[in-house]
């Protein structure tokens, strides 16, 4: 028994020997979710925390007038400007946050944010669930 190849079928279609032919093309690639369960948890719980207080949560907010620095999550319209940064130092592969240059860049970012009046809270995969209580203790 002959194994039909795509070229064989295309030739038969071109010669008019088969009427209907639709080439199966691969569909779209599935969307890769590169967000960790910690980031998903933070996104949901910070959003709820803000909504309970009438505060809109913003992600990837550029807070500096000149630099391209962004906060992972923040509440820019609150009386106390609050930002939350997830430090992904425990993930797979190398993290920028663990290099001397990366860590130095982070300190510049956080120092500038403090100088501009922001309260910046940093969490990792080991302590991220403590942020809601920390925010509750900070914002009365």
C-alpha atoms as a PDB file:
ATOM      1  CA  UNK A   1       0.000   0.000   0.000  1.00  0.00           C
ATOM      2  CA  UNK A   2       1.358   3.391  -1.032  1.00  0.00           C
ATOM      3  CA  UNK A   3       2.050   6.088   1.511  1.00  0.00           C
ATOM      4  CA  UNK A   4       0.569   9.278   0.082  1.00  0.00           C
ATOM      5  CA  UNK A   5       2.656  12.378   0.486  1.00  0.00           C
ATOM      6  CA  UNK A   6       1.479  15.955   0.385  1.00  0.00           C
ATOM      7  CA  UNK A   7       3.158  16.341  -3.023  1.00  0.00           C
ATOM      8  CA  UNK A   8       1.187  13.337  -4.377  1.00  0.00           C
ATOM      9  CA  UNK A   9      -2.105  14.811  -3.215  1.00  0.00           C
ATOM     10  CA  UNK A  10      -1.245  18.274  -4.567  1.00  0.00           C
ATOM     11  CA  UNK A  11      -0.384  16.721  -7.971  1.00  0.00           C
ATOM     12  CA  UNK A  12      -3.670  14.758  -8.082  1.00  0.00           C
ATOM     13  CA  UNK A  13      -5.591  17.935  -7.223  1.00  0.00           C
ATOM     14  CA  UNK A  14      -3.757  19.931  -9.896  1.00  0.00           C
ATOM     15  CA  UNK A  15      -4.469  17.203 -12.502  1.00  0.00           C
ATOM     16  CA  UNK A  16      -8.175  17.316 -11.610  1.00  0.00           C
ATOM     17  CA  UNK A  17      -8.238  13.747 -10.322  1.00  0.00           C
ATOM     18  CA  UNK A  18      -9.497  14.830  -6.928  1.00  0.00           C
ATOM     19  CA  UNK A  19     -11.924  17.705  -6.522  1.00  0.00           C
ATOM     20  CA  UNK A  20     -11.671  18.816  -2.943  1.00  0.00           C
ATOM     21  CA  UNK A  21      -8.359  19.380  -1.350  1.00  0.00           C
ATOM     22  CA  UNK A  22      -7.606  21.552   1.601  1.00  0.00           C
ATOM     23  CA  UNK A  23      -4.111  21.597   2.909  1.00  0.00           C
ATOM     24  CA  UNK A  24      -3.967  21.400   6.680  1.00  0.00           C
ATOM     25  CA  UNK A  25      -1.849  24.273   7.833  1.00  0.00           C
ATOM     26  CA  UNK A  26      -0.689  24.416  11.391  1.00  0.00           C
ATOM     27  CA  UNK A  27      -2.923  26.598  13.542  1.00  0.00           C
ATOM     28  CA  UNK A  28      -1.759  29.453  15.684  1.00  0.00           C
ATOM     29  CA  UNK A  29       0.774  28.640  18.327  1.00  0.00           C
ATOM     30  CA  UNK A  30      -0.679  28.459  21.802  1.00  0.00           C
ATOM     31  CA  UNK A  31      -0.082  31.524  23.900  1.00  0.00           C
ATOM     32  CA  UNK A  32       2.705  30.872  26.337  1.00  0.00           C
ATOM     33  CA  UNK A  33       1.844  32.036  29.809  1.00  0.00           C
ATOM     34  CA  UNK A  34       5.168  33.135  31.242  1.00  0.00           C
ATOM     35  CA  UNK A  35       3.521  34.520  34.341  1.00  0.00           C
ATOM     36  CA  UNK A  36       4.217  32.551  37.453  1.00  0.00           C
ATOM     37  CA  UNK A  37       1.521  31.554  39.906  1.00  0.00           C
ATOM     38  CA  UNK A  38       2.998  34.122  42.290  1.00  0.00           C
ATOM     39  CA  UNK A  39       2.530  36.963  39.796  1.00  0.00           C
ATOM     40  CA  UNK A  40      -1.019  35.836  39.011  1.00  0.00           C
ATOM     41  CA  UNK A  41      -1.801  35.709  42.744  1.00  0.00           C
ATOM     42  CA  UNK A  42      -0.283  39.162  43.259  1.00  0.00           C
ATOM     43  CA  UNK A  43      -2.164  40.652  40.321  1.00  0.00           C
ATOM     44  CA  UNK A  44      -5.514  39.366  41.555  1.00  0.00           C
ATOM     45  CA  UNK A  45      -5.053  40.115  45.257  1.00  0.00           C
ATOM     46  CA  UNK A  46      -3.549  43.567  44.761  1.00  0.00           C
ATOM     47  CA  UNK A  47      -6.394  44.456  42.400  1.00  0.00           C
ATOM     48  CA  UNK A  48      -8.985  43.332  44.978  1.00  0.00           C
ATOM     49  CA  UNK A  49      -7.137  45.167  47.762  1.00  0.00           C
ATOM     50  CA  UNK A  50      -7.245  48.366  45.729  1.00  0.00           C
ATOM     51  CA  UNK A  51     -10.901  47.981  44.748  1.00  0.00           C
ATOM     52  CA  UNK A  52     -11.869  47.535  48.405  1.00  0.00           C
ATOM     53  CA  UNK A  53     -10.351  50.980  49.031  1.00  0.00           C
ATOM     54  CA  UNK A  54     -11.536  52.666  45.838  1.00  0.00           C
ATOM     55  CA  UNK A  55      -8.022  52.650  44.372  1.00  0.00           C
ATOM     56  CA  UNK A  56      -7.210  51.749  40.799  1.00  0.00           C
ATOM     57  CA  UNK A  57      -4.259  49.413  40.422  1.00  0.00           C
ATOM     58  CA  UNK A  58      -1.886  50.121  37.544  1.00  0.00           C
ATOM     59  CA  UNK A  59       0.622  47.644  36.108  1.00  0.00           C
ATOM     60  CA  UNK A  60       3.901  48.558  34.439  1.00  0.00           C
ATOM     61  CA  UNK A  61       3.530  52.212  35.474  1.00  0.00           C
ATOM     62  CA  UNK A  62       6.341  54.562  34.426  1.00  0.00           C
ATOM     63  CA  UNK A  63       6.890  56.626  37.535  1.00  0.00           C
ATOM     64  CA  UNK A  64      10.011  58.614  36.686  1.00  0.00           C
ATOM     65  CA  UNK A  65       9.824  61.733  34.497  1.00  0.00           C
ATOM     66  CA  UNK A  66      13.044  60.919  32.606  1.00  0.00           C
ATOM     67  CA  UNK A  67      13.969  57.276  33.134  1.00  0.00           C
ATOM     68  CA  UNK A  68      12.043  54.344  31.660  1.00  0.00           C
ATOM     69  CA  UNK A  69      11.685  52.635  35.030  1.00  0.00           C
ATOM     70  CA  UNK A  70       8.351  50.951  35.713  1.00  0.00           C
ATOM     71  CA  UNK A  71       6.665  49.419  38.734  1.00  0.00           C
ATOM     72  CA  UNK A  72       5.198  45.930  38.491  1.00  0.00           C
ATOM     73  CA  UNK A  73       2.048  47.081  40.337  1.00  0.00           C
ATOM     74  CA  UNK A  74       1.159  50.409  41.880  1.00  0.00           C
ATOM     75  CA  UNK A  75      -1.592  52.658  43.181  1.00  0.00           C
ATOM     76  CA  UNK A  76      -0.554  56.094  41.907  1.00  0.00           C
ATOM     77  CA  UNK A  77      -3.765  57.903  42.851  1.00  0.00           C
ATOM     78  CA  UNK A  78      -3.762  57.009  46.538  1.00  0.00           C
ATOM     79  CA  UNK A  79      -2.861  59.416  49.350  1.00  0.00           C
ATOM     80  CA  UNK A  80       0.203  57.258  49.903  1.00  0.00           C
ATOM     81  CA  UNK A  81       1.748  56.363  46.543  1.00  0.00           C
ATOM     82  CA  UNK A  82       2.287  52.608  46.826  1.00  0.00           C
ATOM     83  CA  UNK A  83       4.291  50.359  44.522  1.00  0.00           C
ATOM     84  CA  UNK A  84       4.903  46.613  44.662  1.00  0.00           C
ATOM     85  CA  UNK A  85       7.866  45.001  42.951  1.00  0.00           C
ATOM     86  CA  UNK A  86       8.213  41.261  42.419  1.00  0.00           C
ATOM     87  CA  UNK A  87      11.850  40.206  42.554  1.00  0.00           C
ATOM     88  CA  UNK A  88      12.044  37.090  40.404  1.00  0.00           C
ATOM     89  CA  UNK A  89      15.368  35.894  41.746  1.00  0.00           C
ATOM     90  CA  UNK A  90      14.175  32.332  42.312  1.00  0.00           C
ATOM     91  CA  UNK A  91      13.073  31.577  38.760  1.00  0.00           C
ATOM     92  CA  UNK A  92      14.710  29.306  36.242  1.00  0.00           C
ATOM     93  CA  UNK A  93      17.788  30.659  34.562  1.00  0.00           C
ATOM     94  CA  UNK A  94      19.805  33.723  35.386  1.00  0.00           C
ATOM     95  CA  UNK A  95      18.100  36.748  36.897  1.00  0.00           C
ATOM     96  CA  UNK A  96      19.221  40.290  36.197  1.00  0.00           C
ATOM     97  CA  UNK A  97      18.499  41.101  39.829  1.00  0.00           C
ATOM     98  CA  UNK A  98      21.322  38.846  41.044  1.00  0.00           C
ATOM     99  CA  UNK A  99      24.136  40.479  39.074  1.00  0.00           C
ATOM    100  CA  UNK A 100      26.115  43.412  40.478  1.00  0.00           C
ATOM    101  CA  UNK A 101      24.976  45.702  37.667  1.00  0.00           C
ATOM    102  CA  UNK A 102      21.366  44.543  37.934  1.00  0.00           C
ATOM    103  CA  UNK A 103      21.244  44.944  41.690  1.00  0.00           C
ATOM    104  CA  UNK A 104      22.887  48.368  41.438  1.00  0.00           C
ATOM    105  CA  UNK A 105      20.318  49.414  38.842  1.00  0.00           C
ATOM    106  CA  UNK A 106      17.533  48.266  41.147  1.00  0.00           C
ATOM    107  CA  UNK A 107      18.914  50.351  44.025  1.00  0.00           C
ATOM    108  CA  UNK A 108      19.003  53.430  41.764  1.00  0.00           C
ATOM    109  CA  UNK A 109      15.398  52.798  40.769  1.00  0.00           C
ATOM    110  CA  UNK A 110      14.153  52.303  44.332  1.00  0.00           C
ATOM    111  CA  UNK A 111      16.106  55.279  45.698  1.00  0.00           C
ATOM    112  CA  UNK A 112      14.678  57.522  42.978  1.00  0.00           C
ATOM    113  CA  UNK A 113      11.177  56.227  43.683  1.00  0.00           C
ATOM    114  CA  UNK A 114      11.586  57.031  47.393  1.00  0.00           C
ATOM    115  CA  UNK A 115      12.849  60.514  46.559  1.00  0.00           C
ATOM    116  CA  UNK A 116       9.706  61.049  44.452  1.00  0.00           C
ATOM    117  CA  UNK A 117       7.468  60.069  47.387  1.00  0.00           C
ATOM    118  CA  UNK A 118       6.726  56.422  46.575  1.00  0.00           C
ATOM    119  CA  UNK A 119       6.539  53.640  49.173  1.00  0.00           C
ATOM    120  CA  UNK A 120       8.019  50.635  47.390  1.00  0.00           C
ATOM    121  CA  UNK A 121       7.421  47.135  48.725  1.00  0.00           C
ATOM    122  CA  UNK A 122       9.514  44.285  47.352  1.00  0.00           C
ATOM    123  CA  UNK A 123       8.415  40.659  47.418  1.00  0.00           C
ATOM    124  CA  UNK A 124       9.807  37.338  46.228  1.00  0.00           C
ATOM    125  CA  UNK A 125       8.392  33.887  45.560  1.00  0.00           C
ATOM    126  CA  UNK A 126       9.000  33.058  49.227  1.00  0.00           C
ATOM    127  CA  UNK A 127       7.164  35.982  50.851  1.00  0.00           C
ATOM    128  CA  UNK A 128       4.710  37.357  48.279  1.00  0.00           C
ATOM    129  CA  UNK A 129       1.606  36.366  50.264  1.00  0.00           C
ATOM    130  CA  UNK A 130       2.601  38.721  53.098  1.00  0.00           C
ATOM    131  CA  UNK A 131       2.105  41.833  50.964  1.00  0.00           C
ATOM    132  CA  UNK A 132      -1.608  42.281  51.680  1.00  0.00           C
ATOM    133  CA  UNK A 133      -1.042  42.358  55.453  1.00  0.00           C
ATOM    134  CA  UNK A 134       1.917  44.706  54.947  1.00  0.00           C
ATOM    135  CA  UNK A 135      -0.251  47.059  52.893  1.00  0.00           C
ATOM    136  CA  UNK A 136      -3.037  46.868  55.489  1.00  0.00           C
ATOM    137  CA  UNK A 137      -0.534  47.823  58.201  1.00  0.00           C
ATOM    138  CA  UNK A 138       0.781  50.704  56.072  1.00  0.00           C
ATOM    139  CA  UNK A 139      -2.492  52.203  54.871  1.00  0.00           C
ATOM    140  CA  UNK A 140      -4.921  52.698  57.738  1.00  0.00           C
END
